[in-house]
Amino acid sequence: MRAALLVIAGLALIGFIAVAFVLPQMAGAEAREAAQALVSGAETGKQPVAAAAEKAGNLAGAGASVKIAAKSDAKLGEMKWIVEANGAIRGWNEKNAIEISLTPKLEGGKVSWTCRGYPNASMPASCGGRG
């Protein structure tokens, strides 16, 4: 009887370790993958925004006609983006509770981008994360 209780306690401990340490790491890896997919998906919007802003000499209206189609991934869930009239791009993935924001800046006739995202721990280095 005592041996059976020790076996059950040992299995319970293994289960606790899996829930407390392994599963969050797996979820973190998926969130990082989803964040990278969000950042990559925004690339299709950056090019037309930059071209319009550089041609007009300002960002006003540069994103007005730019659309980025939502993408659905079996593993990562649905990813969506909105391009604002000023060219800023917002993206999100509800499944992993991730949001990104890409902000354009026009200097010397060229557009540069600043990317920030939440949660920071999930973001790639190119979007303010630790990499």
N, C-alpha and C. Protein backbone atom coordinates (compact mmCIF):
# COMPACT_ATOMS: atom_id res chain seq x y z
N MET A 1 0.82 -1.19 0.00
CA MET A 1 0.00 0.00 0.00
C MET A 1 0.86 1.26 0.00
N ARG A 2 1.91 1.23 0.82
CA ARG A 2 2.80 2.39 0.92
C ARG A 2 3.52 2.63 -0.41
N ALA A 3 3.94 1.56 -1.08
CA ALA A 3 4.62 1.67 -2.37
C ALA A 3 3.69 2.27 -3.41
N ALA A 4 2.43 1.89 -3.38
CA ALA A 4 1.45 2.43 -4.33
C ALA A 4 1.26 3.92 -4.11
N LEU A 5 1.22 4.35 -2.86
CA LEU A 5 1.09 5.78 -2.56
C LEU A 5 2.30 6.56 -3.03
N LEU A 6 3.49 5.97 -2.88
CA LEU A 6 4.71 6.63 -3.37
C LEU A 6 4.69 6.75 -4.89
N VAL A 7 4.22 5.72 -5.56
CA VAL A 7 4.13 5.76 -7.03
C VAL A 7 3.14 6.86 -7.44
N ILE A 8 2.00 6.91 -6.79
CA ILE A 8 1.00 7.94 -7.11
C ILE A 8 1.56 9.33 -6.84
N ALA A 9 2.25 9.50 -5.72
CA ALA A 9 2.86 10.79 -5.40
C ALA A 9 3.90 11.17 -6.44
N GLY A 10 4.68 10.19 -6.88
CA GLY A 10 5.70 10.44 -7.91
C GLY A 10 5.06 10.86 -9.22
N LEU A 11 3.98 10.19 -9.62
CA LEU A 11 3.28 10.56 -10.85
C LEU A 11 2.66 11.94 -10.74
N ALA A 12 2.12 12.25 -9.56
CA ALA A 12 1.56 13.58 -9.34
C ALA A 12 2.63 14.65 -9.47
N LEU A 13 3.82 14.38 -8.95
CA LEU A 13 4.93 15.34 -9.04
C LEU A 13 5.35 15.54 -10.49
N ILE A 14 5.43 14.46 -11.24
CA ILE A 14 5.78 14.56 -12.66
C ILE A 14 4.72 15.38 -13.40
N GLY A 15 3.46 15.15 -13.09
CA GLY A 15 2.38 15.92 -13.70
C GLY A 15 2.47 17.39 -13.36
N PHE A 16 2.77 17.70 -12.11
CA PHE A 16 2.93 19.09 -11.69
C PHE A 16 4.07 19.76 -12.44
N ILE A 17 5.19 19.07 -12.56
CA ILE A 17 6.34 19.64 -13.27
C ILE A 17 5.98 19.92 -14.73
N ALA A 18 5.26 18.99 -15.34
CA ALA A 18 4.85 19.19 -16.74
C ALA A 18 3.95 20.41 -16.87
N VAL A 19 2.99 20.56 -15.98
CA VAL A 19 2.06 21.69 -16.05
C VAL A 19 2.76 23.00 -15.70
N ALA A 20 3.64 22.98 -14.71
CA ALA A 20 4.26 24.21 -14.23
C ALA A 20 5.41 24.70 -15.09
N PHE A 21 6.13 23.79 -15.75
CA PHE A 21 7.34 24.21 -16.46
C PHE A 21 7.32 23.91 -17.95
N VAL A 22 6.93 22.73 -18.33
CA VAL A 22 7.00 22.33 -19.74
C VAL A 22 5.93 23.01 -20.57
N LEU A 23 4.68 22.97 -20.13
CA LEU A 23 3.60 23.57 -20.92
C LEU A 23 3.77 25.07 -21.14
N PRO A 24 4.14 25.86 -20.14
CA PRO A 24 4.36 27.29 -20.41
C PRO A 24 5.49 27.54 -21.42
N GLN A 25 6.53 26.71 -21.40
CA GLN A 25 7.61 26.89 -22.37
C GLN A 25 7.11 26.58 -23.77
N MET A 26 6.27 25.54 -23.90
CA MET A 26 5.70 25.21 -25.20
C MET A 26 4.80 26.35 -25.68
N ALA A 27 3.99 26.90 -24.78
CA ALA A 27 3.11 28.02 -25.14
C ALA A 27 3.94 29.24 -25.51
N GLY A 28 5.05 29.48 -24.81
CA GLY A 28 5.93 30.60 -25.13
C GLY A 28 6.54 30.46 -26.51
N ALA A 29 6.91 29.24 -26.88
CA ALA A 29 7.47 29.01 -28.21
C ALA A 29 6.43 29.27 -29.29
N GLU A 30 5.19 28.86 -29.03
CA GLU A 30 4.12 29.11 -30.00
C GLU A 30 3.84 30.60 -30.11
N ALA A 31 3.85 31.31 -29.00
CA ALA A 31 3.62 32.75 -29.02
C ALA A 31 4.73 33.47 -29.80
N ARG A 32 5.96 33.03 -29.62
CA ARG A 32 7.07 33.64 -30.38
C ARG A 32 6.92 33.37 -31.87
N GLU A 33 6.49 32.17 -32.21
CA GLU A 33 6.26 31.83 -33.61
C GLU A 33 5.13 32.68 -34.20
N ALA A 34 4.06 32.87 -33.44
CA ALA A 34 2.95 33.70 -33.88
C ALA A 34 3.37 35.16 -34.04
N ALA A 35 4.19 35.65 -33.12
CA ALA A 35 4.67 37.04 -33.21
C ALA A 35 5.51 37.23 -34.46
N GLN A 36 6.37 36.28 -34.76
CA GLN A 36 7.19 36.37 -35.97
C GLN A 36 6.31 36.35 -37.21
N ALA A 37 5.27 35.52 -37.20
CA ALA A 37 4.34 35.46 -38.34
C ALA A 37 3.59 36.78 -38.51
N LEU A 38 3.22 37.42 -37.40
CA LEU A 38 2.55 38.73 -37.47
C LEU A 38 3.45 39.78 -38.09
N VAL A 39 4.70 39.80 -37.63
CA VAL A 39 5.66 40.78 -38.15
C VAL A 39 5.91 40.53 -39.64
N SER A 40 6.09 39.27 -40.01
CA SER A 40 6.33 38.93 -41.42
C SER A 40 5.12 39.28 -42.28
N GLY A 41 3.93 39.01 -41.77
CA GLY A 41 2.71 39.31 -42.53
C GLY A 41 2.51 40.79 -42.79
N ALA A 42 3.04 41.63 -41.93
CA ALA A 42 2.91 43.08 -42.09
C ALA A 42 3.78 43.61 -43.23
N GLU A 43 4.75 42.83 -43.66
CA GLU A 43 5.66 43.27 -44.73
C GLU A 43 4.90 43.65 -46.00
N THR A 44 3.82 42.93 -46.30
CA THR A 44 3.07 43.22 -47.53
C THR A 44 2.43 44.61 -47.49
N GLY A 45 2.18 45.14 -46.30
CA GLY A 45 1.62 46.49 -46.18
C GLY A 45 2.67 47.57 -46.15
N LYS A 46 3.87 47.24 -45.69
CA LYS A 46 4.93 48.25 -45.58
C LYS A 46 5.35 48.79 -46.94
N GLN A 47 5.45 47.93 -47.93
CA GLN A 47 5.95 48.35 -49.24
C GLN A 47 5.05 49.39 -49.92
N PRO A 48 3.73 49.15 -50.02
CA PRO A 48 2.90 50.18 -50.66
C PRO A 48 2.78 51.47 -49.85
N VAL A 49 2.82 51.37 -48.53
CA VAL A 49 2.78 52.58 -47.69
C VAL A 49 4.03 53.41 -47.95
N ALA A 50 5.19 52.76 -47.95
CA ALA A 50 6.45 53.48 -48.18
C ALA A 50 6.46 54.12 -49.56
N ALA A 51 6.01 53.39 -50.57
CA ALA A 51 6.00 53.93 -51.93
C ALA A 51 5.09 55.16 -52.03
N ALA A 52 3.90 55.09 -51.44
CA ALA A 52 2.97 56.23 -51.49
C ALA A 52 3.53 57.43 -50.72
N ALA A 53 4.11 57.19 -49.56
CA ALA A 53 4.64 58.29 -48.74
C ALA A 53 5.83 58.95 -49.42
N GLU A 54 6.71 58.14 -50.00
CA GLU A 54 7.89 58.69 -50.67
C GLU A 54 7.50 59.48 -51.92
N LYS A 55 6.47 59.01 -52.62
CA LYS A 55 6.00 59.73 -53.81
C LYS A 55 5.35 61.05 -53.44
N ALA A 56 4.52 61.04 -52.38
CA ALA A 56 3.79 62.26 -51.96
C ALA A 56 4.65 63.19 -51.11
N GLY A 57 5.70 62.67 -50.52
CA GLY A 57 6.54 63.49 -49.66
C GLY A 57 6.01 63.63 -48.24
N ASN A 58 4.95 62.87 -47.90
CA ASN A 58 4.44 62.85 -46.53
C ASN A 58 3.64 61.57 -46.31
N LEU A 59 3.33 61.31 -45.03
CA LEU A 59 2.63 60.08 -44.67
C LEU A 59 1.10 60.21 -44.70
N ALA A 60 0.59 61.43 -44.80
CA ALA A 60 -0.86 61.64 -44.80
C ALA A 60 -1.50 60.87 -45.96
N GLY A 61 -2.36 59.95 -45.64
CA GLY A 61 -3.06 59.17 -46.65
C GLY A 61 -2.27 58.03 -47.27
N ALA A 62 -1.04 57.84 -46.83
CA ALA A 62 -0.19 56.81 -47.45
C ALA A 62 -0.73 55.39 -47.28
N GLY A 63 -1.51 55.17 -46.24
CA GLY A 63 -2.05 53.82 -46.03
C GLY A 63 -3.53 53.71 -46.31
N ALA A 64 -4.12 54.76 -46.85
CA ALA A 64 -5.58 54.81 -47.02
C ALA A 64 -6.13 53.65 -47.86
N SER A 65 -5.44 53.24 -48.88
CA SER A 65 -5.97 52.18 -49.76
C SER A 65 -5.24 50.85 -49.57
N VAL A 66 -4.40 50.74 -48.57
CA VAL A 66 -3.62 49.52 -48.37
C VAL A 66 -4.38 48.55 -47.47
N LYS A 67 -4.50 47.33 -47.92
CA LYS A 67 -5.17 46.28 -47.15
C LYS A 67 -4.22 45.08 -47.02
N ILE A 68 -4.28 44.42 -45.88
CA ILE A 68 -3.54 43.18 -45.66
C ILE A 68 -4.57 42.12 -45.31
N ALA A 69 -4.61 41.07 -46.09
CA ALA A 69 -5.59 40.01 -45.87
C ALA A 69 -5.27 39.23 -44.60
N ALA A 70 -6.31 38.89 -43.85
CA ALA A 70 -6.14 38.05 -42.65
C ALA A 70 -5.65 36.67 -43.08
N LYS A 71 -4.90 36.04 -42.20
CA LYS A 71 -4.39 34.70 -42.47
C LYS A 71 -4.80 33.79 -41.32
N SER A 72 -5.17 32.58 -41.67
CA SER A 72 -5.54 31.60 -40.65
C SER A 72 -4.55 30.45 -40.70
N ASP A 73 -4.01 30.11 -39.55
CA ASP A 73 -3.04 29.03 -39.43
C ASP A 73 -3.60 28.01 -38.45
N ALA A 74 -3.56 26.74 -38.81
CA ALA A 74 -4.12 25.69 -37.96
C ALA A 74 -3.48 25.68 -36.57
N LYS A 75 -2.20 25.95 -36.51
CA LYS A 75 -1.48 25.91 -35.23
C LYS A 75 -1.57 27.24 -34.47
N LEU A 76 -1.39 28.35 -35.19
CA LEU A 76 -1.25 29.66 -34.56
C LEU A 76 -2.57 30.43 -34.45
N GLY A 77 -3.58 30.02 -35.18
CA GLY A 77 -4.85 30.73 -35.17
C GLY A 77 -4.88 31.82 -36.23
N GLU A 78 -5.88 32.68 -36.14
CA GLU A 78 -6.07 33.74 -37.13
C GLU A 78 -5.22 34.96 -36.79
N MET A 79 -4.60 35.51 -37.84
CA MET A 79 -3.81 36.73 -37.70
C MET A 79 -4.44 37.80 -38.57
N LYS A 80 -4.58 39.00 -38.01
CA LYS A 80 -5.24 40.10 -38.71
C LYS A 80 -4.37 41.35 -38.63
N TRP A 81 -4.51 42.20 -39.66
CA TRP A 81 -3.79 43.47 -39.71
C TRP A 81 -4.72 44.57 -40.19
N ILE A 82 -4.48 45.77 -39.70
CA ILE A 82 -5.17 46.96 -40.18
C ILE A 82 -4.10 47.99 -40.53
N VAL A 83 -4.25 48.60 -41.71
CA VAL A 83 -3.34 49.68 -42.11
C VAL A 83 -4.12 50.98 -41.97
N GLU A 84 -3.63 51.86 -41.13
CA GLU A 84 -4.29 53.14 -40.90
C GLU A 84 -3.94 54.12 -42.01
N ALA A 85 -4.72 55.17 -42.15
CA ALA A 85 -4.51 56.15 -43.22
C ALA A 85 -3.12 56.76 -43.18
N ASN A 86 -2.55 56.92 -41.97
CA ASN A 86 -1.21 57.51 -41.85
C ASN A 86 -0.10 56.49 -42.09
N GLY A 87 -0.47 55.26 -42.46
CA GLY A 87 0.51 54.23 -42.77
C GLY A 87 0.85 53.30 -41.63
N ALA A 88 0.44 53.62 -40.42
CA ALA A 88 0.72 52.74 -39.27
C ALA A 88 0.00 51.40 -39.48
N ILE A 89 0.67 50.33 -39.11
CA ILE A 89 0.11 48.99 -39.27
C ILE A 89 -0.05 48.37 -37.89
N ARG A 90 -1.24 47.86 -37.61
CA ARG A 90 -1.53 47.17 -36.37
C ARG A 90 -1.87 45.73 -36.71
N GLY A 91 -1.32 44.80 -35.93
CA GLY A 91 -1.61 43.39 -36.15
C GLY A 91 -1.90 42.70 -34.84
N TRP A 92 -2.69 41.64 -34.89
CA TRP A 92 -2.99 40.92 -33.66
C TRP A 92 -3.31 39.46 -33.95
N ASN A 93 -3.12 38.66 -32.92
CA ASN A 93 -3.42 37.23 -32.93
C ASN A 93 -4.09 36.93 -31.59
N GLU A 94 -5.41 36.72 -31.64
CA GLU A 94 -6.17 36.52 -30.40
C GLU A 94 -5.77 35.23 -29.68
N LYS A 95 -5.52 34.17 -30.43
CA LYS A 95 -5.22 32.87 -29.81
C LYS A 95 -4.04 32.97 -28.84
N ASN A 96 -3.02 33.72 -29.23
CA ASN A 96 -1.82 33.85 -28.41
C ASN A 96 -1.74 35.19 -27.68
N ALA A 97 -2.80 36.00 -27.76
CA ALA A 97 -2.87 37.31 -27.11
C ALA A 97 -1.65 38.17 -27.44
N ILE A 98 -1.42 38.34 -28.74
CA ILE A 98 -0.26 39.10 -29.23
C ILE A 98 -0.75 40.27 -30.08
N GLU A 99 -0.08 41.40 -29.91
CA GLU A 99 -0.35 42.59 -30.71
C GLU A 99 0.96 43.20 -31.17
N ILE A 100 0.96 43.74 -32.39
CA ILE A 100 2.13 44.48 -32.87
C ILE A 100 1.67 45.81 -33.44
N SER A 101 2.61 46.74 -33.49
CA SER A 101 2.36 48.05 -34.07
C SER A 101 3.61 48.47 -34.82
N LEU A 102 3.46 48.74 -36.11
CA LEU A 102 4.56 49.23 -36.93
C LEU A 102 4.25 50.68 -37.31
N THR A 103 5.14 51.57 -36.95
CA THR A 103 4.92 53.00 -37.17
C THR A 103 5.93 53.52 -38.19
N PRO A 104 5.43 54.12 -39.28
CA PRO A 104 6.35 54.66 -40.29
C PRO A 104 6.84 56.06 -39.91
N LYS A 105 8.02 56.39 -40.39
CA LYS A 105 8.59 57.72 -40.21
C LYS A 105 9.25 58.10 -41.53
N LEU A 106 8.94 59.27 -42.03
CA LEU A 106 9.49 59.73 -43.29
C LEU A 106 10.57 60.77 -43.01
N GLU A 107 11.79 60.45 -43.40
CA GLU A 107 12.92 61.36 -43.23
C GLU A 107 13.79 61.32 -44.48
N GLY A 108 14.11 62.47 -44.99
CA GLY A 108 14.97 62.54 -46.16
C GLY A 108 14.42 61.81 -47.37
N GLY A 109 13.09 61.77 -47.48
CA GLY A 109 12.46 61.12 -48.62
C GLY A 109 12.35 59.61 -48.52
N LYS A 110 12.80 59.04 -47.41
CA LYS A 110 12.75 57.59 -47.21
C LYS A 110 11.95 57.25 -45.97
N VAL A 111 11.21 56.14 -46.03
CA VAL A 111 10.41 55.69 -44.89
C VAL A 111 11.20 54.66 -44.09
N SER A 112 11.23 54.86 -42.79
CA SER A 112 11.79 53.85 -41.88
C SER A 112 10.66 53.41 -40.95
N TRP A 113 10.83 52.26 -40.33
CA TRP A 113 9.75 51.68 -39.52
C TRP A 113 10.23 51.37 -38.12
N THR A 114 9.34 51.59 -37.16
CA THR A 114 9.57 51.19 -35.77
C THR A 114 8.51 50.16 -35.43
N CYS A 115 8.95 49.03 -34.91
CA CYS A 115 8.03 47.95 -34.55
C CYS A 115 8.06 47.74 -33.04
N ARG A 116 6.90 47.64 -32.45
CA ARG A 116 6.76 47.32 -31.03
C ARG A 116 5.64 46.31 -30.89
N GLY A 117 5.76 45.46 -29.89
CA GLY A 117 4.73 44.46 -29.70
C GLY A 117 4.54 44.08 -28.26
N TYR A 118 3.41 43.41 -28.01
CA TYR A 118 3.07 42.96 -26.68
C TYR A 118 2.55 41.53 -26.77
N PRO A 119 2.95 40.66 -25.90
CA PRO A 119 3.91 40.84 -24.82
C PRO A 119 5.33 40.86 -25.35
N ASN A 120 6.15 41.66 -24.75
CA ASN A 120 7.52 41.86 -25.18
C ASN A 120 8.31 40.55 -25.25
N ALA A 121 8.08 39.64 -24.32
CA ALA A 121 8.83 38.39 -24.28
C ALA A 121 8.58 37.52 -25.50
N SER A 122 7.47 37.73 -26.20
CA SER A 122 7.15 36.93 -27.38
C SER A 122 7.69 37.55 -28.66
N MET A 123 8.08 38.80 -28.62
CA MET A 123 8.45 39.53 -29.83
C MET A 123 9.86 39.18 -30.31
N PRO A 124 10.03 39.16 -31.65
CA PRO A 124 11.39 39.03 -32.18
C PRO A 124 12.16 40.32 -31.92
N ALA A 125 13.47 40.25 -32.01
CA ALA A 125 14.32 41.43 -31.76
C ALA A 125 13.94 42.59 -32.69
N SER A 126 13.51 42.28 -33.90
CA SER A 126 13.13 43.33 -34.86
C SER A 126 11.89 44.10 -34.45
N CYS A 127 11.19 43.59 -33.42
CA CYS A 127 9.97 44.25 -32.97
C CYS A 127 10.04 44.54 -31.46
N GLY A 128 11.22 44.88 -30.99
CA GLY A 128 11.38 45.30 -29.60
C GLY A 128 11.54 44.19 -28.59
N GLY A 129 11.59 42.94 -29.06
CA GLY A 129 11.74 41.82 -28.13
C GLY A 129 13.20 41.49 -27.86
N ARG A 130 13.38 40.47 -27.06
CA ARG A 130 14.73 40.04 -26.71
C ARG A 130 15.34 39.12 -27.75
N GLY A 131 14.53 38.73 -28.70
CA GLY A 131 15.05 37.91 -29.79
C GLY A 131 14.78 36.51 -29.56
